[in-house]
C-alpha atoms as a PDB file:
ATOM      1  CA  MET A   1      99.955 -63.010  37.462  1.00  0.00           C
ATOM      2  CA  LYS A   2      99.772 -59.342  36.496  1.00  0.00           C
ATOM      3  CA  LEU A   3      96.238 -59.395  37.898  1.00  0.00           C
ATOM      4  CA  LYS A   4      97.261 -60.512  41.283  1.00  0.00           C
ATOM      5  CA  LYS A   5      99.970 -57.862  41.345  1.00  0.00           C
ATOM      6  CA  LEU A   6      97.546 -55.185  40.393  1.00  0.00           C
ATOM      7  CA  SER A   7      95.107 -56.243  43.116  1.00  0.00           C
ATOM      8  CA  ALA A   8      97.735 -56.254  45.772  1.00  0.00           C
ATOM      9  CA  ILE A   9      98.746 -52.816  44.912  1.00  0.00           C
ATOM     10  CA  ILE A  10      95.251 -51.602  44.860  1.00  0.00           C
ATOM     11  CA  VAL A  11      94.789 -53.093  48.310  1.00  0.00           C
ATOM     12  CA  LEU A  12      98.076 -51.440  49.605  1.00  0.00           C
ATOM     13  CA  LEU A  13      96.978 -48.097  48.355  1.00  0.00           C
ATOM     14  CA  LEU A  14      93.508 -48.344  50.025  1.00  0.00           C
ATOM     15  CA  VAL A  15      95.085 -49.389  53.367  1.00  0.00           C
ATOM     16  CA  THR A  16      97.568 -46.496  53.078  1.00  0.00           C
ATOM     17  CA  CYS A  17      94.821 -44.057  52.297  1.00  0.00           C
ATOM     18  CA  PHE A  18      92.655 -45.122  55.136  1.00  0.00           C
ATOM     19  CA  GLY A  19      95.592 -45.013  57.484  1.00  0.00           C
ATOM     20  CA  LEU A  20      96.473 -41.495  56.440  1.00  0.00           C
ATOM     21  CA  ALA A  21      92.780 -40.426  56.857  1.00  0.00           C
ATOM     22  CA  ALA A  22      92.861 -41.881  60.259  1.00  0.00           C
ATOM     23  CA  CYS A  23      96.049 -39.929  61.146  1.00  0.00           C
ATOM     24  CA  ALA A  24      94.526 -36.868  59.879  1.00  0.00           C
ATOM     25  CA  GLN A  25      91.444 -37.390  62.097  1.00  0.00           C
ATOM     26  CA  ASN A  26      93.711 -38.019  65.051  1.00  0.00           C
ATOM     27  CA  THR A  27      95.686 -34.897  64.245  1.00  0.00           C
ATOM     28  CA  ASP A  28      92.565 -32.902  64.222  1.00  0.00           C
ATOM     29  CA  ALA A  29      91.323 -34.251  67.391  1.00  0.00           C
ATOM     30  CA  ASN A  30      94.612 -33.532  69.188  1.00  0.00           C
ATOM     31  CA  GLU A  31      94.469 -29.876  67.886  1.00  0.00           C
ATOM     32  CA  GLY A  32      90.909 -29.541  69.109  1.00  0.00           C
ATOM     33  CA  SER A  33      91.874 -30.782  72.483  1.00  0.00           C
ATOM     34  CA  GLY A  34      94.225 -27.835  72.934  1.00  0.00           C
ATOM     35  CA  ASN A  35      91.251 -25.457  72.563  1.00  0.00           C
ATOM     36  CA  ASN A  36      89.724 -27.129  75.696  1.00  0.00           C
ATOM     37  CA  ASP A  37      92.422 -25.709  78.059  1.00  0.00           C
ATOM     38  CA  GLN A  38      90.895 -24.078  81.193  1.00  0.00           C
ATOM     39  CA  GLU A  39      89.417 -20.800  80.367  1.00  0.00           C
ATOM     40  CA  ILE A  40      91.039 -17.863  82.084  1.00  0.00           C
ATOM     41  CA  LYS A  41      88.571 -15.838  84.256  1.00  0.00           C
ATOM     42  CA  LYS A  42      89.280 -12.214  84.579  1.00  0.00           C
ATOM     43  CA  ILE A  43      88.870 -10.502  87.970  1.00  0.00           C
ATOM     44  CA  THR A  44      88.902  -6.722  88.112  1.00  0.00           C
ATOM     45  CA  LEU A  45      89.441  -4.861  91.398  1.00  0.00           C
ATOM     46  CA  ALA A  46      88.051  -1.329  91.508  1.00  0.00           C
ATOM     47  CA  PHE A  47      89.892   1.445  93.331  1.00  0.00           C
ATOM     48  CA  LEU A  48      88.779   4.771  94.464  1.00  0.00           C
ATOM     49  CA  PRO A  49      90.104   7.951  92.864  1.00  0.00           C
ATOM     50  CA  ASN A  50      91.949   9.055  95.908  1.00  0.00           C
ATOM     51  CA  GLU A  51      93.877   5.803  95.644  1.00  0.00           C
ATOM     52  CA  SER A  52      95.456   6.761  92.348  1.00  0.00           C
ATOM     53  CA  THR A  53      98.008   9.263  90.990  1.00  0.00           C
ATOM     54  CA  GLY A  54      98.707  10.252  87.344  1.00  0.00           C
ATOM     55  CA  GLY A  55      95.804   8.161  86.154  1.00  0.00           C
ATOM     56  CA  ASP A  56      97.206   4.867  87.633  1.00  0.00           C
ATOM     57  CA  VAL A  57      96.669   3.280  90.940  1.00  0.00           C
ATOM     58  CA  LYS A  58      99.397   4.123  93.519  1.00  0.00           C
ATOM     59  CA  GLU A  59     102.115   1.443  93.698  1.00  0.00           C
ATOM     60  CA  ASN A  60     101.401   0.520  97.167  1.00  0.00           C
ATOM     61  CA  PHE A  61      97.938  -0.718  96.363  1.00  0.00           C
ATOM     62  CA  LYS A  62      99.152  -2.939  93.641  1.00  0.00           C
ATOM     63  CA  HIS A  63     100.325  -5.330  96.380  1.00  0.00           C
ATOM     64  CA  LEU A  64      96.653  -6.122  97.060  1.00  0.00           C
ATOM     65  CA  VAL A  65      96.093  -7.060  93.448  1.00  0.00           C
ATOM     66  CA  THR A  66      99.211  -9.456  93.704  1.00  0.00           C
ATOM     67  CA  GLU A  67      97.896 -11.174  96.756  1.00  0.00           C
ATOM     68  CA  ILE A  68      94.518 -11.690  95.306  1.00  0.00           C
ATOM     69  CA  GLN A  69      96.004 -13.194  92.316  1.00  0.00           C
ATOM     70  CA  VAL A  70      97.985 -15.599  94.442  1.00  0.00           C
ATOM     71  CA  ALA A  71      94.854 -16.373  96.508  1.00  0.00           C
ATOM     72  CA  LEU A  72      92.862 -17.395  93.340  1.00  0.00           C
ATOM     73  CA  GLY A  73      95.740 -19.068  91.543  1.00  0.00           C
ATOM     74  CA  ASP A  74      95.773 -20.589  88.130  1.00  0.00           C
ATOM     75  CA  GLY A  75      92.815 -19.894  85.897  1.00  0.00           C
ATOM     76  CA  TYR A  76      92.432 -16.399  86.805  1.00  0.00           C
ATOM     77  CA  GLU A  77      93.878 -13.030  85.751  1.00  0.00           C
ATOM     78  CA  VAL A  78      93.463 -10.286  88.354  1.00  0.00           C
ATOM     79  CA  GLY A  79      93.585  -6.732  87.169  1.00  0.00           C
ATOM     80  CA  TYR A  80      92.319  -3.459  88.444  1.00  0.00           C
ATOM     81  CA  THR A  81      90.761  -0.190  87.464  1.00  0.00           C
ATOM     82  CA  VAL A  82      90.519   3.236  88.932  1.00  0.00           C
ATOM     83  CA  ALA A  83      87.109   4.612  89.246  1.00  0.00           C
ATOM     84  CA  ASP A  84      86.109   8.322  88.340  1.00  0.00           C
ATOM     85  CA  ASP A  85      84.357   8.685  91.533  1.00  0.00           C
ATOM     86  CA  TYR A  86      82.678   6.774  94.366  1.00  0.00           C
ATOM     87  CA  ALA A  87      79.341   6.246  92.457  1.00  0.00           C
ATOM     88  CA  ALA A  88      81.289   4.580  89.547  1.00  0.00           C
ATOM     89  CA  VAL A  89      82.826   1.946  91.946  1.00  0.00           C
ATOM     90  CA  SER A  90      79.254   1.019  93.054  1.00  0.00           C
ATOM     91  CA  THR A  91      77.967   0.870  89.445  1.00  0.00           C
ATOM     92  CA  ALA A  92      80.880  -1.321  88.550  1.00  0.00           C
ATOM     93  CA  ILE A  93      80.214  -3.838  91.301  1.00  0.00           C
ATOM     94  CA  LEU A  94      76.517  -3.826  90.658  1.00  0.00           C
ATOM     95  CA  SER A  95      76.876  -4.283  86.936  1.00  0.00           C
ATOM     96  CA  GLY A  96      79.650  -6.847  87.105  1.00  0.00           C
ATOM     97  CA  THR A  97      82.091  -4.658  85.285  1.00  0.00           C
ATOM     98  CA  ALA A  98      84.329  -4.999  88.306  1.00  0.00           C
ATOM     99  CA  GLN A  99      83.978  -8.086  90.665  1.00  0.00           C
ATOM    100  CA  LEU A 100      85.897  -6.662  93.691  1.00  0.00           C
ATOM    101  CA  ALA A 101      86.135  -3.234  95.282  1.00  0.00           C
ATOM    102  CA  TRP A 102      88.452  -1.845  97.932  1.00  0.00           C
ATOM    103  CA  GLU A 103      87.453   0.393 100.732  1.00  0.00           C
ATOM    104  CA  SER A 104      84.770   2.900 101.262  1.00  0.00           C
ATOM    105  CA  GLY A 105      82.335   1.571 103.817  1.00  0.00           C
ATOM    106  CA  ASN A 106      79.433   3.710 102.658  1.00  0.00           C
ATOM    107  CA  THR A 107      79.879   2.834  98.984  1.00  0.00           C
ATOM    108  CA  TYR A 108      79.770  -0.755  99.986  1.00  0.00           C
ATOM    109  CA  ALA A 109      76.824  -0.111 102.387  1.00  0.00           C
ATOM    110  CA  THR A 110      74.579   1.666  99.753  1.00  0.00           C
ATOM    111  CA  SER A 111      75.605  -1.101  97.177  1.00  0.00           C
ATOM    112  CA  HIS A 112      74.487  -3.708  99.594  1.00  0.00           C
ATOM    113  CA  LEU A 113      71.146  -1.908 100.267  1.00  0.00           C
ATOM    114  CA  ARG A 114      70.441  -1.989  96.536  1.00  0.00           C
ATOM    115  CA  ASP A 115      71.504  -5.693  96.064  1.00  0.00           C
ATOM    116  CA  GLU A 116      71.920  -7.996  99.077  1.00  0.00           C
ATOM    117  CA  ASN A 117      74.328 -10.055  97.039  1.00  0.00           C
ATOM    118  CA  VAL A 118      76.966  -7.241  97.511  1.00  0.00           C
ATOM    119  CA  VAL A 119      78.926  -8.589 100.428  1.00  0.00           C
ATOM    120  CA  PRO A 120      82.060  -7.710 102.448  1.00  0.00           C
ATOM    121  CA  ILE A 121      85.032 -10.154 102.549  1.00  0.00           C
ATOM    122  CA  VAL A 122      87.684  -8.661 104.783  1.00  0.00           C
ATOM    123  CA  SER A 123      88.570  -5.473 106.633  1.00  0.00           C
ATOM    124  CA  TYR A 124      91.750  -4.464 108.450  1.00  0.00           C
ATOM    125  CA  GLY A 125      92.985  -3.085 111.814  1.00  0.00           C
ATOM    126  CA  PRO A 126      95.941  -3.122 114.094  1.00  0.00           C
ATOM    127  CA  ASP A 127      97.098  -6.734 114.543  1.00  0.00           C
ATOM    128  CA  GLY A 128      93.839  -7.762 112.911  1.00  0.00           C
ATOM    129  CA  LYS A 129      91.755  -6.547 115.864  1.00  0.00           C
ATOM    130  CA  ALA A 130      88.192  -5.647 114.641  1.00  0.00           C
ATOM    131  CA  ASP A 131      87.354  -3.507 117.703  1.00  0.00           C
ATOM    132  CA  GLU A 132      90.317  -1.281 116.847  1.00  0.00           C
ATOM    133  CA  ALA A 133      89.884  -1.145 113.209  1.00  0.00           C
ATOM    134  CA  GLY A 134      89.050   2.570 112.345  1.00  0.00           C
ATOM    135  CA  TYR A 135      90.198   5.851 111.008  1.00  0.00           C
ATOM    136  CA  PRO A 136      89.341   9.544 111.815  1.00  0.00           C
ATOM    137  CA  ALA A 137      86.812  11.654 109.941  1.00  0.00           C
ATOM    138  CA  TYR A 138      87.362  15.436 110.233  1.00  0.00           C
ATOM    139  CA  ILE A 139      85.270  18.479 109.719  1.00  0.00           C
ATOM    140  CA  ALA A 140      87.771  21.316 109.409  1.00  0.00           C
ATOM    141  CA  THR A 141      88.082  24.908 108.421  1.00  0.00           C
ATOM    142  CA  HIS A 142      91.050  27.226 107.620  1.00  0.00           C
ATOM    143  CA  ILE A 143      93.190  28.226 110.659  1.00  0.00           C
ATOM    144  CA  ASP A 144      92.123  31.825 109.977  1.00  0.00           C
ATOM    145  CA  ASN A 145      88.732  31.068 111.076  1.00  0.00           C
ATOM    146  CA  LYS A 146      89.675  29.544 114.355  1.00  0.00           C
ATOM    147  CA  LYS A 147      88.545  32.644 116.240  1.00  0.00           C
ATOM    148  CA  ASP A 148      84.841  31.835 115.306  1.00  0.00           C
ATOM    149  CA  PHE A 149      85.084  28.816 117.589  1.00  0.00           C
ATOM    150  CA  GLU A 150      86.806  30.259 120.547  1.00  0.00           C
ATOM    151  CA  GLY A 151      85.034  29.321 123.749  1.00  0.00           C
ATOM    152  CA  LEU A 152      83.041  26.551 122.222  1.00  0.00           C
ATOM    153  CA  THR A 153      83.301  23.169 123.562  1.00  0.00           C
ATOM    154  CA  ASP A 154      80.137  21.258 122.578  1.00  0.00           C
ATOM    155  CA  GLU A 155      80.148  19.627 119.186  1.00  0.00           C
ATOM    156  CA  LYS A 156      76.513  21.008 118.489  1.00  0.00           C
ATOM    157  CA  ASP A 157      77.724  24.530 119.120  1.00  0.00           C
ATOM    158  CA  LYS A 158      80.878  24.196 117.006  1.00  0.00           C
ATOM    159  CA  LEU A 159      78.627  22.805 114.127  1.00  0.00           C
ATOM    160  CA  ALA A 160      76.045  25.574 114.462  1.00  0.00           C
ATOM    161  CA  VAL A 161      78.894  28.047 113.457  1.00  0.00           C
ATOM    162  CA  LEU A 162      78.788  26.440 109.859  1.00  0.00           C
ATOM    163  CA  LYS A 163      75.092  27.172 109.253  1.00  0.00           C
ATOM    164  CA  GLY A 164      74.839  29.490 106.355  1.00  0.00           C
ATOM    165  CA  LYS A 165      78.544  28.872 105.350  1.00  0.00           C
ATOM    166  CA  SER A 166      79.997  27.136 102.369  1.00  0.00           C
ATOM    167  CA  PHE A 167      80.961  23.566 102.892  1.00  0.00           C
ATOM    168  CA  SER A 168      82.692  20.713 100.900  1.00  0.00           C
ATOM    169  CA  PHE A 169      81.779  17.091 101.037  1.00  0.00           C
ATOM    170  CA  VAL A 170      84.167  14.552  99.267  1.00  0.00           C
ATOM    171  CA  SER A 171      81.262  12.748  97.534  1.00  0.00           C
ATOM    172  CA  PRO A 172      77.683  11.698  98.320  1.00  0.00           C
ATOM    173  CA  THR A 173      78.795   8.199  98.570  1.00  0.00           C
ATOM    174  CA  SER A 174      81.843   8.803 100.700  1.00  0.00           C
ATOM    175  CA  THR A 175      81.708   7.287 104.249  1.00  0.00           C
ATOM    176  CA  SER A 176      83.960   9.753 106.159  1.00  0.00           C
ATOM    177  CA  GLY A 177      83.732  12.492 103.576  1.00  0.00           C
ATOM    178  CA  CYS A 178      79.847  12.688 103.535  1.00  0.00           C
ATOM    179  CA  LEU A 179      77.772  10.032 105.541  1.00  0.00           C
ATOM    180  CA  VAL A 180      79.411  10.455 108.879  1.00  0.00           C
ATOM    181  CA  PRO A 181      79.460  14.323 108.823  1.00  0.00           C
ATOM    182  CA  SER A 182      76.038  14.815 107.283  1.00  0.00           C
ATOM    183  CA  THR A 183      74.586  12.332 109.980  1.00  0.00           C
ATOM    184  CA  SER A 184      76.253  14.536 112.725  1.00  0.00           C
ATOM    185  CA  PHE A 185      74.554  17.656 111.153  1.00  0.00           C
ATOM    186  CA  TYR A 186      71.205  15.894 110.887  1.00  0.00           C
ATOM    187  CA  LYS A 187      71.328  14.737 114.503  1.00  0.00           C
ATOM    188  CA  TYR A 188      71.660  18.280 115.762  1.00  0.00           C
ATOM    189  CA  PHE A 189      69.667  20.284 113.178  1.00  0.00           C
ATOM    190  CA  GLY A 190      67.206  17.599 111.796  1.00  0.00           C
ATOM    191  CA  PRO A 191      63.667  16.898 112.856  1.00  0.00           C
ATOM    192  CA  ASP A 192      64.801  15.587 116.292  1.00  0.00           C
ATOM    193  CA  GLY A 193      67.004  18.572 116.876  1.00  0.00           C
ATOM    194  CA  THR A 194      66.484  22.227 115.970  1.00  0.00           C
ATOM    195  CA  ALA A 195      64.390  21.338 112.923  1.00  0.00           C
ATOM    196  CA  ASP A 196      66.490  23.631 110.714  1.00  0.00           C
ATOM    197  CA  ILE A 197      66.268  20.824 108.056  1.00  0.00           C
ATOM    198  CA  GLN A 198      63.922  17.920 107.498  1.00  0.00           C
ATOM    199  CA  THR A 199      66.247  15.591 105.329  1.00  0.00           C
ATOM    200  CA  ARG A 200      69.660  14.753 104.696  1.00  0.00           C
ATOM    201  CA  GLU A 201      69.456  15.876 101.074  1.00  0.00           C
ATOM    202  CA  GLU A 202      69.035  19.544 102.371  1.00  0.00           C
ATOM    203  CA  LEU A 203      72.554  19.251 103.805  1.00  0.00           C
ATOM    204  CA  LEU A 204      73.828  18.277 100.413  1.00  0.00           C
ATOM    205  CA  THR A 205      72.221  21.053  98.488  1.00  0.00           C
ATOM    206  CA  SER A 206      73.360  24.605  98.175  1.00  0.00           C
ATOM    207  CA  GLY A 207      71.220  27.200  99.668  1.00  0.00           C
ATOM    208  CA  LYS A 208      69.505  24.930 102.308  1.00  0.00           C
ATOM    209  CA  PHE A 209      71.505  24.527 105.516  1.00  0.00           C
ATOM    210  CA  PHE A 210      74.846  25.516 103.761  1.00  0.00           C
ATOM    211  CA  SER A 211      75.055  28.581 101.558  1.00  0.00           C
ATOM    212  CA  GLU A 212      77.002  26.609  99.066  1.00  0.00           C
ATOM    213  CA  VAL A 213      77.941  22.856  98.825  1.00  0.00           C
ATOM    214  CA  GLN A 214      80.779  21.598  96.706  1.00  0.00           C
ATOM    215  CA  TYR A 215      82.045  17.995  96.124  1.00  0.00           C
ATOM    216  CA  GLY A 216      85.730  17.507  95.912  1.00  0.00           C
ATOM    217  CA  GLN A 217      85.214  13.907  94.643  1.00  0.00           C
ATOM    218  CA  SER A 218      88.442  12.945  96.560  1.00  0.00           C
ATOM    219  CA  HIS A 219      89.682  13.733 100.039  1.00  0.00           C
ATOM    220  CA  GLN A 220      92.676  15.598  98.617  1.00  0.00           C
ATOM    221  CA  SER A 221      90.500  17.859  96.650  1.00  0.00           C
ATOM    222  CA  SER A 222      88.248  18.493  99.727  1.00  0.00           C
ATOM    223  CA  VAL A 223      91.364  19.416 101.740  1.00  0.00           C
ATOM    224  CA  THR A 224      92.438  21.827  98.884  1.00  0.00           C
ATOM    225  CA  LEU A 225      89.172  23.530  98.829  1.00  0.00           C
ATOM    226  CA  ILE A 226      89.239  24.194 102.508  1.00  0.00           C
ATOM    227  CA  ASN A 227      92.988  25.199 102.478  1.00  0.00           C
ATOM    228  CA  GLU A 228      92.493  27.649  99.637  1.00  0.00           C
ATOM    229  CA  LYS A 229      89.410  29.196 101.299  1.00  0.00           C
ATOM    230  CA  LYS A 230      87.085  28.247  98.390  1.00  0.00           C
ATOM    231  CA  VAL A 231      84.867  26.877 101.147  1.00  0.00           C
ATOM    232  CA  TYR A 232      84.414  27.933 104.797  1.00  0.00           C
ATOM    233  CA  ALA A 233      84.803  24.488 105.965  1.00  0.00           C
ATOM    234  CA  GLY A 234      84.569  20.867 104.701  1.00  0.00           C
ATOM    235  CA  ALA A 235      84.973  17.177 105.346  1.00  0.00           C
ATOM    236  CA  TYR A 236      87.963  14.667 104.767  1.00  0.00           C
ATOM    237  CA  CYS A 237      89.564  11.791 106.453  1.00  0.00           C
ATOM    238  CA  CYS A 238      92.895  10.158 107.624  1.00  0.00           C
ATOM    239  CA  GLY A 239      96.233  11.838 106.824  1.00  0.00           C
ATOM    240  CA  TYR A 240      95.229  13.677 103.792  1.00  0.00           C
ATOM    241  CA  ALA A 241      95.838  17.121 105.209  1.00  0.00           C
ATOM    242  CA  GLN A 242      99.431  16.009 105.851  1.00  0.00           C
ATOM    243  CA  GLU A 243      99.794  14.605 102.469  1.00  0.00           C
ATOM    244  CA  MET A 244      98.572  17.907 100.835  1.00  0.00           C
ATOM    245  CA  GLY A 245     100.946  19.990 103.221  1.00  0.00           C
ATOM    246  CA  ALA A 246      97.951  21.650 104.823  1.00  0.00           C
ATOM    247  CA  GLU A 247      98.373  20.206 108.363  1.00  0.00           C
ATOM    248  CA  ASP A 248      99.395  23.335 109.979  1.00  0.00           C
ATOM    249  CA  THR A 249      96.819  25.563 108.046  1.00  0.00           C
ATOM    250  CA  LEU A 250      93.600  23.702 108.897  1.00  0.00           C
ATOM    251  CA  TYR A 251      91.709  23.908 112.137  1.00  0.00           C
ATOM    252  CA  ILE A 252      89.917  20.740 113.222  1.00  0.00           C
ATOM    253  CA  ILE A 253      86.467  21.387 114.328  1.00  0.00           C
ATOM    254  CA  THR A 254      85.191  17.817 114.903  1.00  0.00           C
ATOM    255  CA  GLU A 255      86.826  14.312 114.772  1.00  0.00           C
ATOM    256  CA  SER A 256      84.821  11.037 114.528  1.00  0.00           C
ATOM    257  CA  MET A 257      86.177   7.506 114.405  1.00  0.00           C
ATOM    258  CA  VAL A 258      84.920   5.450 111.418  1.00  0.00           C
ATOM    259  CA  PRO A 259      85.365   1.618 111.091  1.00  0.00           C
ATOM    260  CA  ASN A 260      87.683   0.780 108.106  1.00  0.00           C
ATOM    261  CA  GLY A 261      85.976  -0.143 104.878  1.00  0.00           C
ATOM    262  CA  PRO A 262      86.053  -3.687 103.424  1.00  0.00           C
ATOM    263  CA  LEU A 263      87.273  -5.548 100.416  1.00  0.00           C
ATOM    264  CA  TRP A 264      83.799  -6.391  98.874  1.00  0.00           C
ATOM    265  CA  ALA A 265      82.176  -8.274  96.128  1.00  0.00           C
ATOM    266  CA  ASN A 266      79.138  -9.186  94.206  1.00  0.00           C
ATOM    267  CA  LYS A 267      78.029 -12.778  94.568  1.00  0.00           C
ATOM    268  CA  ASN A 268      76.344 -12.522  91.278  1.00  0.00           C
ATOM    269  CA  TYR A 269      79.832 -12.406  89.688  1.00  0.00           C
ATOM    270  CA  MET A 270      81.914 -14.272  92.135  1.00  0.00           C
ATOM    271  CA  THR A 271      81.506 -17.594  93.668  1.00  0.00           C
ATOM    272  CA  ASP A 272      81.472 -18.370  97.433  1.00  0.00           C
ATOM    273  CA  GLU A 273      84.585 -20.628  96.815  1.00  0.00           C
ATOM    274  CA  GLU A 274      86.359 -17.723  95.155  1.00  0.00           C
ATOM    275  CA  MET A 275      85.538 -15.277  98.021  1.00  0.00           C
ATOM    276  CA  GLU A 276      86.618 -17.921 100.640  1.00  0.00           C
ATOM    277  CA  LYS A 277      89.956 -18.428  98.980  1.00  0.00           C
ATOM    278  CA  ILE A 278      90.544 -14.605  98.993  1.00  0.00           C
ATOM    279  CA  GLN A 279      89.439 -14.267 102.596  1.00  0.00           C
ATOM    280  CA  ASP A 280      91.528 -17.304 103.846  1.00  0.00           C
ATOM    281  CA  HIS A 281      94.565 -15.953 101.994  1.00  0.00           C
ATOM    282  CA  LEU A 282      94.363 -12.356 103.331  1.00  0.00           C
ATOM    283  CA  VAL A 283      93.419 -13.372 106.955  1.00  0.00           C
ATOM    284  CA  ASN A 284      96.309 -15.579 107.151  1.00  0.00           C
ATOM    285  CA  LEU A 285      98.670 -13.160 105.460  1.00  0.00           C
ATOM    286  CA  THR A 286     101.946 -12.083 107.452  1.00  0.00           C
ATOM    287  CA  PRO A 287     105.088 -10.369 106.530  1.00  0.00           C
ATOM    288  CA  GLU A 288     106.735 -13.799 106.505  1.00  0.00           C
ATOM    289  CA  ASN A 289     104.403 -15.582 103.927  1.00  0.00           C
ATOM    290  CA  ALA A 290     103.456 -12.369 101.904  1.00  0.00           C
ATOM    291  CA  ASN A 291     104.046 -12.550  98.076  1.00  0.00           C
ATOM    292  CA  SER A 292     104.494  -8.718  98.039  1.00  0.00           C
ATOM    293  CA  GLU A 293     105.560  -5.815 100.038  1.00  0.00           C
ATOM    294  CA  ILE A 294     102.059  -5.374 101.276  1.00  0.00           C
ATOM    295  CA  PHE A 295     103.292  -5.051 104.938  1.00  0.00           C
ATOM    296  CA  ASP A 296     106.501  -3.099 104.116  1.00  0.00           C
ATOM    297  CA  GLU A 297     107.123  -0.360 106.402  1.00  0.00           C
ATOM    298  CA  VAL A 298     107.590   2.276 103.732  1.00  0.00           C
ATOM    299  CA  ASN A 299     105.966   0.869 100.564  1.00  0.00           C
ATOM    300  CA  GLY A 300     103.351  -1.310 102.130  1.00  0.00           C
ATOM    301  CA  LEU A 301      99.518  -1.106 101.523  1.00  0.00           C
ATOM    302  CA  PHE A 302      99.088   0.261 105.035  1.00  0.00           C
ATOM    303  CA  SER A 303     102.171   2.487 105.183  1.00  0.00           C
ATOM    304  CA  ALA A 304     102.560   4.807 102.366  1.00  0.00           C
ATOM    305  CA  GLU A 305      99.274   6.576 102.984  1.00  0.00           C
ATOM    306  CA  ASP A 306      99.178   6.498 106.655  1.00  0.00           C
ATOM    307  CA  VAL A 307     100.752   8.884 109.113  1.00  0.00           C
ATOM    308  CA  ASP A 308     100.697   6.350 111.883  1.00  0.00           C
ATOM    309  CA  PRO A 309     104.232   5.169 112.365  1.00  0.00           C
ATOM    310  CA  GLU A 310     102.963   1.615 113.144  1.00  0.00           C
ATOM    311  CA  ALA A 311     100.554   1.451 110.245  1.00  0.00           C
ATOM    312  CA  TYR A 312     102.477  -1.481 108.813  1.00  0.00           C
ATOM    313  CA  MET A 313     101.127  -3.601 111.837  1.00  0.00           C
ATOM    314  CA  LYS A 314      97.697  -3.629 110.481  1.00  0.00           C
ATOM    315  CA  ARG A 315      96.283  -7.061 109.321  1.00  0.00           C
ATOM    316  CA  PHE A 316      93.205  -8.448 107.665  1.00  0.00           C
ATOM    317  CA  PHE A 317      90.317  -9.949 109.407  1.00  0.00           C
ATOM    318  CA  ALA A 318      87.141 -11.599 108.163  1.00  0.00           C
ATOM    319  CA  VAL A 319      83.894  -9.612 108.128  1.00  0.00           C
ATOM    320  CA  ASP A 320      80.302 -10.376 107.361  1.00  0.00           C
ATOM    321  CA  VAL A 321      77.323  -8.195 106.344  1.00  0.00           C
ATOM    322  CA  GLU A 322      76.311  -7.510 110.011  1.00  0.00           C
ATOM    323  CA  TYR A 323      79.700  -5.878 110.745  1.00  0.00           C
ATOM    324  CA  TYR A 324      78.480  -2.693 108.847  1.00  0.00           C
ATOM    325  CA  ASP A 325      75.018  -2.454 110.438  1.00  0.00           C
ATOM    326  CA  PHE A 326      75.622   0.926 111.645  1.00  0.00           C
ATOM    327  CA  LEU A 327      76.269   2.101 108.085  1.00  0.00           C
ATOM    328  CA  TYR A 328      72.934   0.743 106.835  1.00  0.00           C
ATOM    329  CA  GLU A 329      71.109   2.535 109.534  1.00  0.00           C
ATOM    330  CA  MET A 330      72.862   5.752 108.767  1.00  0.00           C
ATOM    331  CA  ASN A 331      71.730   5.405 105.229  1.00  0.00           C
ATOM    332  CA  LYS A 332      68.190   5.018 106.257  1.00  0.00           C
ATOM    333  CA  VAL A 333      68.258   8.478 107.394  1.00  0.00           C
ATOM    334  CA  LYS A 334      65.832  10.288 104.968  1.00  0.00           C
END
């Protein structure tokens, strides 16, 4: 009798132990499944130095980050970085340190020429009209030098005054701050013009066409160099003279219209689906369905930096590689 009771106890203990072991295994499995949650993919948007203040991107540009986050949805964490200069933006996109970049048509174009997987996603213009999407690029001097241009009407004659003078570009990779103005000089004074120079590089080097060449690295700095007479003339774009309080002290020598730059990405680090989500979201974005103040008249992306009183009417439109053909051609100038 005692033997039967002992046997029953042993069996009960064995069943209990196996049950506990099974429970322990199930618990481990459940804990393991928690580690299989969807991995968060981090997306970094690179901004240019002139889009920052105090070391951080300006508040109105953060609306774009918000909208991209909404476009991509769960499973993504969209952040941003402010590059030290235009070249750093290109390096970040080419290397995958950043997956998206905002603006600078020429920085995009030169990056695309290095890697065809670098592509544009959207640009912007009044009411989303591609044929009206542009901004002014200026070559200017201090108002005290205005007398040097009296009686001159042709662009070539005005630019000829700058030969042998000091000049400031924004950055070698800036569209309006270097590519466009240097192409103008090359057209008139290059091999097909007066032949004062043979390459674009000569325009960017002190002691060649210009007595001295400086790089502001931002449009604001280039304006400051001109306004403080540290250079005879220089290049900048948009409303930066007004922003720097120099509108009345600068004399505009030439003005050119430049198509707006894109939001661009590297297909090596972003999928077609991800880029399509961003494109669809931004193209269909309106003040009524926006998740941020991106279209606000005062604090919106297209308002705080723009002197155009109707800047907030700008909307996104889709662009493809061919849209920036003119920039690729400009960059092929030796």
